[in-house]
Amino acid sequence: MSRVCELTGKKAMVGNNVSHALNRTKRRFNANLVKKRFYIPEEDKWVTLKVSTSALKTINKIGISAAIKEAKAKGFLK
């Protein structure tokens, strides 16, 4: 499974490792993802999502229901 946040769509970026001699080699900057279970009281069920840690802060702030609704509006979640 790809390393993509299911709520925000964040994914790995590509960049360079730069040595002291300024040699450049390709590297990946992976998103900081965690697998987390959330309880949705409206649907009375548990949902497991792979979300970024910044999305966890958003969920703590606005709630899981609002975050899922926003992700569905943006097309990140089915």
N, C-alpha and C. Protein backbone atom coordinates (compact mmCIF):
# COMPACT_ATOMS: atom_id res chain seq x y z
N MET A 1 0.83 -1.17 0.00
CA MET A 1 0.00 0.00 0.00
C MET A 1 0.88 1.24 0.00
N SER A 2 0.49 2.25 -0.75
CA SER A 2 1.32 3.44 -0.88
C SER A 2 1.27 4.28 0.39
N ARG A 3 2.31 5.08 0.56
CA ARG A 3 2.41 5.93 1.74
C ARG A 3 1.74 7.27 1.47
N VAL A 4 0.40 7.26 1.53
CA VAL A 4 -0.39 8.46 1.27
C VAL A 4 -1.39 8.63 2.41
N CYS A 5 -1.51 9.84 2.92
CA CYS A 5 -2.49 10.13 3.96
C CYS A 5 -3.89 10.06 3.36
N GLU A 6 -4.79 9.33 4.02
CA GLU A 6 -6.13 9.13 3.48
C GLU A 6 -7.03 10.34 3.68
N LEU A 7 -6.66 11.27 4.56
CA LEU A 7 -7.50 12.44 4.79
C LEU A 7 -6.98 13.70 4.10
N THR A 8 -5.67 13.85 4.00
CA THR A 8 -5.12 15.08 3.41
C THR A 8 -4.49 14.86 2.05
N GLY A 9 -4.20 13.61 1.69
CA GLY A 9 -3.57 13.34 0.40
C GLY A 9 -2.07 13.57 0.39
N LYS A 10 -1.48 13.81 1.55
CA LYS A 10 -0.03 14.01 1.60
C LYS A 10 0.67 12.73 1.18
N LYS A 11 1.76 12.88 0.41
CA LYS A 11 2.54 11.72 0.00
C LYS A 11 4.02 12.09 -0.04
N ALA A 12 4.86 11.12 -0.39
CA ALA A 12 6.30 11.32 -0.38
C ALA A 12 6.71 12.34 -1.44
N MET A 13 7.70 13.14 -1.08
CA MET A 13 8.30 14.09 -2.02
C MET A 13 9.71 13.61 -2.35
N VAL A 14 10.26 14.11 -3.45
CA VAL A 14 11.59 13.71 -3.88
C VAL A 14 12.52 14.91 -3.75
N GLY A 15 13.74 14.63 -3.28
CA GLY A 15 14.73 15.70 -3.14
C GLY A 15 16.12 15.12 -3.27
N ASN A 16 17.09 15.85 -2.75
CA ASN A 16 18.48 15.43 -2.85
C ASN A 16 19.12 15.35 -1.48
N ASN A 17 19.99 14.33 -1.29
CA ASN A 17 20.97 14.35 -0.21
C ASN A 17 22.13 15.17 -0.73
N VAL A 18 22.59 16.14 0.03
CA VAL A 18 23.71 16.98 -0.40
C VAL A 18 24.85 16.77 0.59
N SER A 19 25.96 16.26 0.07
CA SER A 19 27.12 16.00 0.93
C SER A 19 27.91 17.29 1.15
N HIS A 20 28.92 17.19 1.99
CA HIS A 20 29.78 18.36 2.27
C HIS A 20 30.46 18.82 0.98
N ALA A 21 30.77 17.88 0.08
CA ALA A 21 31.41 18.21 -1.19
C ALA A 21 30.38 18.61 -2.26
N LEU A 22 29.12 18.78 -1.84
CA LEU A 22 28.00 19.17 -2.71
C LEU A 22 27.65 18.13 -3.77
N ASN A 23 27.99 16.85 -3.48
CA ASN A 23 27.51 15.78 -4.35
C ASN A 23 26.04 15.57 -4.04
N ARG A 24 25.23 15.36 -5.08
CA ARG A 24 23.80 15.22 -4.88
C ARG A 24 23.34 13.82 -5.30
N THR A 25 22.60 13.17 -4.42
CA THR A 25 21.97 11.89 -4.74
C THR A 25 20.50 11.99 -4.37
N LYS A 26 19.68 11.29 -5.14
CA LYS A 26 18.23 11.36 -4.93
C LYS A 26 17.83 10.69 -3.62
N ARG A 27 16.80 11.24 -2.98
CA ARG A 27 16.24 10.66 -1.77
C ARG A 27 14.76 10.97 -1.74
N ARG A 28 14.05 10.30 -0.83
CA ARG A 28 12.61 10.53 -0.66
C ARG A 28 12.34 11.11 0.72
N PHE A 29 11.43 12.07 0.77
CA PHE A 29 10.94 12.61 2.02
C PHE A 29 9.55 12.00 2.23
N ASN A 30 9.46 10.96 3.05
CA ASN A 30 8.19 10.29 3.28
C ASN A 30 7.31 11.10 4.22
N ALA A 31 6.00 10.99 4.03
CA ALA A 31 5.05 11.62 4.94
C ALA A 31 5.08 10.87 6.28
N ASN A 32 4.86 11.59 7.36
CA ASN A 32 4.86 10.99 8.70
C ASN A 32 3.47 10.39 8.94
N LEU A 33 3.31 9.11 8.62
CA LEU A 33 2.01 8.45 8.68
C LEU A 33 1.91 7.50 9.86
N VAL A 34 0.71 7.41 10.42
CA VAL A 34 0.39 6.45 11.47
C VAL A 34 -0.94 5.78 11.13
N LYS A 35 -1.06 4.51 11.51
CA LYS A 35 -2.31 3.79 11.33
C LYS A 35 -3.11 3.93 12.62
N LYS A 36 -4.34 4.45 12.52
CA LYS A 36 -5.11 4.81 13.72
C LYS A 36 -6.56 4.42 13.54
N ARG A 37 -7.16 3.91 14.62
CA ARG A 37 -8.59 3.58 14.62
C ARG A 37 -9.37 4.74 15.21
N PHE A 38 -10.48 5.08 14.55
CA PHE A 38 -11.34 6.15 15.02
C PHE A 38 -12.76 5.62 15.17
N TYR A 39 -13.45 6.09 16.19
CA TYR A 39 -14.86 5.73 16.39
C TYR A 39 -15.73 6.86 15.85
N ILE A 40 -16.66 6.50 14.96
CA ILE A 40 -17.59 7.47 14.39
C ILE A 40 -18.95 7.23 15.02
N PRO A 41 -19.38 8.12 15.94
CA PRO A 41 -20.64 7.88 16.66
C PRO A 41 -21.88 7.96 15.77
N GLU A 42 -21.83 8.79 14.70
CA GLU A 42 -23.00 8.91 13.82
C GLU A 42 -23.32 7.60 13.11
N GLU A 43 -22.26 6.88 12.72
CA GLU A 43 -22.44 5.59 12.03
C GLU A 43 -22.31 4.42 12.99
N ASP A 44 -21.94 4.68 14.24
CA ASP A 44 -21.76 3.67 15.27
C ASP A 44 -20.80 2.57 14.82
N LYS A 45 -19.63 2.97 14.31
CA LYS A 45 -18.64 1.98 13.89
C LYS A 45 -17.23 2.54 14.03
N TRP A 46 -16.25 1.62 14.03
CA TRP A 46 -14.84 1.95 14.08
C TRP A 46 -14.29 1.95 12.67
N VAL A 47 -13.39 2.89 12.38
CA VAL A 47 -12.76 2.99 11.07
C VAL A 47 -11.26 3.09 11.28
N THR A 48 -10.49 2.31 10.52
CA THR A 48 -9.04 2.38 10.57
C THR A 48 -8.55 3.20 9.39
N LEU A 49 -7.79 4.25 9.68
CA LEU A 49 -7.27 5.13 8.64
C LEU A 49 -5.76 5.26 8.77
N LYS A 50 -5.07 5.43 7.64
CA LYS A 50 -3.65 5.75 7.64
C LYS A 50 -3.55 7.25 7.43
N VAL A 51 -3.24 7.99 8.49
CA VAL A 51 -3.27 9.45 8.43
C VAL A 51 -1.91 10.03 8.84
N SER A 52 -1.64 11.23 8.36
CA SER A 52 -0.42 11.93 8.76
C SER A 52 -0.63 12.51 10.15
N THR A 53 0.47 12.82 10.81
CA THR A 53 0.36 13.34 12.17
C THR A 53 -0.26 14.74 12.16
N SER A 54 -0.08 15.49 11.09
CA SER A 54 -0.74 16.79 11.01
C SER A 54 -2.25 16.62 10.86
N ALA A 55 -2.68 15.54 10.18
CA ALA A 55 -4.11 15.26 10.08
C ALA A 55 -4.68 14.86 11.43
N LEU A 56 -3.87 14.19 12.28
CA LEU A 56 -4.32 13.85 13.63
C LEU A 56 -4.60 15.11 14.44
N LYS A 57 -3.74 16.13 14.28
CA LYS A 57 -3.97 17.39 14.98
C LYS A 57 -5.27 18.04 14.49
N THR A 58 -5.53 17.94 13.19
CA THR A 58 -6.77 18.49 12.63
C THR A 58 -7.97 17.75 13.17
N ILE A 59 -7.88 16.42 13.27
CA ILE A 59 -8.98 15.62 13.81
C ILE A 59 -9.24 15.99 15.27
N ASN A 60 -8.17 16.20 16.04
CA ASN A 60 -8.34 16.62 17.43
C ASN A 60 -9.02 17.98 17.53
N LYS A 61 -8.79 18.82 16.55
CA LYS A 61 -9.34 20.17 16.59
C LYS A 61 -10.79 20.23 16.12
N ILE A 62 -11.08 19.61 14.94
CA ILE A 62 -12.43 19.75 14.36
C ILE A 62 -13.29 18.51 14.51
N GLY A 63 -12.69 17.38 14.87
CA GLY A 63 -13.44 16.13 15.04
C GLY A 63 -13.33 15.24 13.82
N ILE A 64 -13.52 13.94 14.05
CA ILE A 64 -13.35 12.96 12.98
C ILE A 64 -14.44 13.08 11.93
N SER A 65 -15.67 13.37 12.34
CA SER A 65 -16.77 13.46 11.37
C SER A 65 -16.56 14.60 10.39
N ALA A 66 -16.15 15.76 10.91
CA ALA A 66 -15.91 16.91 10.04
C ALA A 66 -14.70 16.68 9.14
N ALA A 67 -13.67 16.00 9.66
CA ALA A 67 -12.47 15.73 8.87
C ALA A 67 -12.78 14.77 7.73
N ILE A 68 -13.60 13.75 8.00
CA ILE A 68 -13.97 12.79 6.96
C ILE A 68 -14.85 13.47 5.91
N LYS A 69 -15.76 14.32 6.35
CA LYS A 69 -16.62 15.05 5.41
C LYS A 69 -15.79 15.94 4.48
N GLU A 70 -14.79 16.61 5.06
CA GLU A 70 -13.92 17.48 4.29
C GLU A 70 -13.07 16.68 3.29
N ALA A 71 -12.58 15.49 3.72
CA ALA A 71 -11.77 14.65 2.83
C ALA A 71 -12.61 14.11 1.67
N LYS A 72 -13.88 13.77 1.95
CA LYS A 72 -14.74 13.30 0.88
C LYS A 72 -15.04 14.41 -0.12
N ALA A 73 -15.17 15.64 0.37
CA ALA A 73 -15.43 16.78 -0.52
C ALA A 73 -14.23 17.05 -1.42
N LYS A 74 -13.02 16.85 -0.89
CA LYS A 74 -11.81 17.06 -1.69
C LYS A 74 -11.47 15.86 -2.56
N GLY A 75 -12.13 14.72 -2.35
CA GLY A 75 -11.90 13.54 -3.17
C GLY A 75 -10.82 12.62 -2.68
N PHE A 76 -10.33 12.79 -1.46
CA PHE A 76 -9.29 11.93 -0.93
C PHE A 76 -9.86 10.63 -0.37
N LEU A 77 -11.11 10.65 0.05
CA LEU A 77 -11.75 9.50 0.67
C LEU A 77 -13.00 9.16 -0.11
N LYS A 78 -13.29 7.87 -0.24
CA LYS A 78 -14.47 7.45 -1.01
C LYS A 78 -15.76 7.74 -0.30
